[in-house]
Amino acid sequence: MTEAIAFDTHRFVKRLTESGFTEKQAETLAEEHVALLNANLATKTDIARLEAAVETQRQETAADIEALRQETKTDIETQRQETAADIARLEARLLKWMFGAMIAQGGLIVALVKLL
């Protein structure tokens, strides 16, 4: 249902006829003014409908932001766990290398002591 904009056509026609317009000209001009107002001005209902649409969009945006926040939090935790696992693997490789080097050094020392 479309609301009409309040416009006093009688007063408008009266003022135009008083200033020299014919009654037919004044009525035609009044009708066109009413049509323009009704076509181009927002009513309270239009504004309420727009506010409701904006609120819906705001809620949807807030929900999207929250979903992205949760997804990002999950992604960060996954990356943290993968990084911790990578570090543990590297530590194990480093320890193997260090023990291997220690054994090689021990063998070298034993060999040198036997040579002396």
C-alpha atoms as a PDB file:
ATOM      1  CA  MET A   1       0.000   0.000   0.000  1.00  0.00           C
ATOM      2  CA  THR A   2       1.416   3.367  -1.034  1.00  0.00           C
ATOM      3  CA  GLU A   3       1.092   6.354   1.232  1.00  0.00           C
ATOM      4  CA  ALA A   4       0.298   9.701  -0.271  1.00  0.00           C
ATOM      5  CA  ILE A   5       2.266  12.797   0.614  1.00  0.00           C
ATOM      6  CA  ALA A   6       0.122  15.412   2.341  1.00  0.00           C
ATOM      7  CA  PHE A   7      -0.275  18.307  -0.109  1.00  0.00           C
ATOM      8  CA  ASP A   8      -2.999  20.951   0.141  1.00  0.00           C
ATOM      9  CA  THR A   9      -4.130  21.093  -3.483  1.00  0.00           C
ATOM     10  CA  HIS A  10      -7.042  23.401  -2.687  1.00  0.00           C
ATOM     11  CA  ARG A  11      -4.746  26.015  -1.163  1.00  0.00           C
ATOM     12  CA  PHE A  12      -2.292  25.562  -4.059  1.00  0.00           C
ATOM     13  CA  VAL A  13      -5.020  26.041  -6.698  1.00  0.00           C
ATOM     14  CA  LYS A  14      -6.462  29.026  -4.794  1.00  0.00           C
ATOM     15  CA  ARG A  15      -3.078  30.785  -4.638  1.00  0.00           C
ATOM     16  CA  LEU A  16      -2.375  30.164  -8.319  1.00  0.00           C
ATOM     17  CA  THR A  17      -5.773  31.464  -9.422  1.00  0.00           C
ATOM     18  CA  GLU A  18      -5.282  34.533  -7.236  1.00  0.00           C
ATOM     19  CA  SER A  19      -2.014  35.210  -9.031  1.00  0.00           C
ATOM     20  CA  GLY A  20      -3.486  34.982 -12.521  1.00  0.00           C
ATOM     21  CA  PHE A  21      -3.618  31.308 -13.482  1.00  0.00           C
ATOM     22  CA  THR A  22      -6.876  29.946 -14.840  1.00  0.00           C
ATOM     23  CA  GLU A  23      -8.557  27.359 -12.649  1.00  0.00           C
ATOM     24  CA  LYS A  24      -7.814  24.654 -15.247  1.00  0.00           C
ATOM     25  CA  GLN A  25      -4.089  25.605 -15.315  1.00  0.00           C
ATOM     26  CA  ALA A  26      -3.909  25.704 -11.520  1.00  0.00           C
ATOM     27  CA  GLU A  27      -5.619  22.301 -11.141  1.00  0.00           C
ATOM     28  CA  THR A  28      -3.362  20.719 -13.770  1.00  0.00           C
ATOM     29  CA  LEU A  29      -0.282  22.120 -12.059  1.00  0.00           C
ATOM     30  CA  ALA A  30      -1.543  20.903  -8.665  1.00  0.00           C
ATOM     31  CA  GLU A  31      -2.112  17.376 -10.052  1.00  0.00           C
ATOM     32  CA  GLU A  32       1.387  17.305 -11.511  1.00  0.00           C
ATOM     33  CA  HIS A  33       2.890  18.494  -8.230  1.00  0.00           C
ATOM     34  CA  VAL A  34       1.063  15.733  -6.331  1.00  0.00           C
ATOM     35  CA  ALA A  35       2.246  13.125  -8.862  1.00  0.00           C
ATOM     36  CA  LEU A  36       5.839  14.343  -8.610  1.00  0.00           C
ATOM     37  CA  LEU A  37       5.750  14.380  -4.824  1.00  0.00           C
ATOM     38  CA  ASN A  38       4.257  10.903  -4.607  1.00  0.00           C
ATOM     39  CA  ALA A  39       6.751   9.523  -7.119  1.00  0.00           C
ATOM     40  CA  ASN A  40       9.891  11.134  -5.718  1.00  0.00           C
ATOM     41  CA  LEU A  41       9.562  11.635  -1.973  1.00  0.00           C
ATOM     42  CA  ALA A  42       9.968   8.887   0.567  1.00  0.00           C
ATOM     43  CA  THR A  43       7.127   8.225   2.968  1.00  0.00           C
ATOM     44  CA  LYS A  44       7.464   7.034   6.550  1.00  0.00           C
ATOM     45  CA  THR A  45       6.597   3.546   5.306  1.00  0.00           C
ATOM     46  CA  ASP A  46       9.358   3.757   2.676  1.00  0.00           C
ATOM     47  CA  ILE A  47      11.833   4.820   5.339  1.00  0.00           C
ATOM     48  CA  ALA A  48      10.710   2.084   7.737  1.00  0.00           C
ATOM     49  CA  ARG A  49      11.069  -0.512   4.963  1.00  0.00           C
ATOM     50  CA  LEU A  50      14.550   0.788   4.167  1.00  0.00           C
ATOM     51  CA  GLU A  51      15.542   0.773   7.849  1.00  0.00           C
ATOM     52  CA  ALA A  52      14.370  -2.838   8.136  1.00  0.00           C
ATOM     53  CA  ALA A  53      16.399  -3.808   5.059  1.00  0.00           C
ATOM     54  CA  VAL A  54      19.474  -2.053   6.454  1.00  0.00           C
ATOM     55  CA  GLU A  55      19.050  -3.814   9.811  1.00  0.00           C
ATOM     56  CA  THR A  56      18.757  -7.169   8.047  1.00  0.00           C
ATOM     57  CA  GLN A  57      21.949  -6.432   6.114  1.00  0.00           C
ATOM     58  CA  ARG A  58      23.678  -5.325   9.332  1.00  0.00           C
ATOM     59  CA  GLN A  59      22.735  -8.582  11.058  1.00  0.00           C
ATOM     60  CA  GLU A  60      23.845 -10.670   8.072  1.00  0.00           C
ATOM     61  CA  THR A  61      27.135  -8.771   7.945  1.00  0.00           C
ATOM     62  CA  ALA A  62      27.674  -9.265  11.681  1.00  0.00           C
ATOM     63  CA  ALA A  63      27.028 -13.000  11.257  1.00  0.00           C
ATOM     64  CA  ASP A  64      29.448 -13.157   8.309  1.00  0.00           C
ATOM     65  CA  ILE A  65      32.115 -11.339  10.333  1.00  0.00           C
ATOM     66  CA  GLU A  66      31.651 -13.742  13.249  1.00  0.00           C
ATOM     67  CA  ALA A  67      31.898 -16.750  10.924  1.00  0.00           C
ATOM     68  CA  LEU A  68      35.099 -15.334   9.412  1.00  0.00           C
ATOM     69  CA  ARG A  69      36.477 -14.664  12.891  1.00  0.00           C
ATOM     70  CA  GLN A  70      35.836 -18.265  13.929  1.00  0.00           C
ATOM     71  CA  GLU A  71      37.286 -19.602  10.676  1.00  0.00           C
ATOM     72  CA  THR A  72      40.385 -17.448  11.090  1.00  0.00           C
ATOM     73  CA  LYS A  73      40.774 -18.560  14.701  1.00  0.00           C
ATOM     74  CA  THR A  74      40.573 -22.198  13.590  1.00  0.00           C
ATOM     75  CA  ASP A  75      43.064 -21.603  10.764  1.00  0.00           C
ATOM     76  CA  ILE A  76      45.523 -19.934  13.151  1.00  0.00           C
ATOM     77  CA  GLU A  77      45.250 -22.827  15.614  1.00  0.00           C
ATOM     78  CA  THR A  78      45.820 -25.346  12.812  1.00  0.00           C
ATOM     79  CA  GLN A  79      48.903 -23.411  11.661  1.00  0.00           C
ATOM     80  CA  ARG A  80      50.177 -23.227  15.256  1.00  0.00           C
ATOM     81  CA  GLN A  81      49.840 -26.990  15.658  1.00  0.00           C
ATOM     82  CA  GLU A  82      51.526 -27.668  12.308  1.00  0.00           C
ATOM     83  CA  THR A  83      54.385 -25.324  13.219  1.00  0.00           C
ATOM     84  CA  ALA A  84      54.826 -27.021  16.596  1.00  0.00           C
ATOM     85  CA  ALA A  85      54.938 -30.430  14.852  1.00  0.00           C
ATOM     86  CA  ASP A  86      57.490 -29.111  12.323  1.00  0.00           C
ATOM     87  CA  ILE A  87      59.674 -27.800  15.158  1.00  0.00           C
ATOM     88  CA  ALA A  88      59.460 -31.152  16.995  1.00  0.00           C
ATOM     89  CA  ARG A  89      60.508 -33.007  13.807  1.00  0.00           C
ATOM     90  CA  LEU A  90      63.432 -30.618  13.288  1.00  0.00           C
ATOM     91  CA  GLU A  91      64.517 -31.003  16.907  1.00  0.00           C
ATOM     92  CA  ALA A  92      64.497 -34.799  16.512  1.00  0.00           C
ATOM     93  CA  ARG A  93      66.605 -34.565  13.310  1.00  0.00           C
ATOM     94  CA  LEU A  94      69.014 -32.185  15.028  1.00  0.00           C
ATOM     95  CA  LEU A  95      69.380 -34.531  18.022  1.00  0.00           C
ATOM     96  CA  LYS A  96      70.058 -37.480  15.684  1.00  0.00           C
ATOM     97  CA  TRP A  97      72.697 -35.457  13.878  1.00  0.00           C
ATOM     98  CA  MET A  98      74.289 -34.321  17.162  1.00  0.00           C
ATOM     99  CA  PHE A  99      74.437 -37.899  18.550  1.00  0.00           C
ATOM    100  CA  GLY A 100      75.876 -39.114  15.265  1.00  0.00           C
ATOM    101  CA  ALA A 101      78.515 -36.381  15.384  1.00  0.00           C
ATOM    102  CA  MET A 102      79.304 -37.237  19.040  1.00  0.00           C
ATOM    103  CA  ILE A 103      79.719 -40.934  18.194  1.00  0.00           C
ATOM    104  CA  ALA A 104      81.941 -40.044  15.225  1.00  0.00           C
ATOM    105  CA  GLN A 105      84.036 -37.767  17.446  1.00  0.00           C
ATOM    106  CA  GLY A 106      84.300 -40.508  20.062  1.00  0.00           C
ATOM    107  CA  GLY A 107      85.430 -42.980  17.411  1.00  0.00           C
ATOM    108  CA  LEU A 108      87.950 -40.455  16.087  1.00  0.00           C
ATOM    109  CA  ILE A 109      89.340 -39.858  19.583  1.00  0.00           C
ATOM    110  CA  VAL A 110      89.654 -43.616  20.205  1.00  0.00           C
ATOM    111  CA  ALA A 111      91.428 -44.036  16.845  1.00  0.00           C
ATOM    112  CA  LEU A 112      93.812 -41.174  17.581  1.00  0.00           C
ATOM    113  CA  VAL A 113      94.574 -42.488  21.068  1.00  0.00           C
ATOM    114  CA  LYS A 114      95.427 -45.917  19.551  1.00  0.00           C
ATOM    115  CA  LEU A 115      97.762 -44.229  17.096  1.00  0.00           C
ATOM    116  CA  LEU A 116      99.670 -42.500  19.807  1.00  0.00           C
END
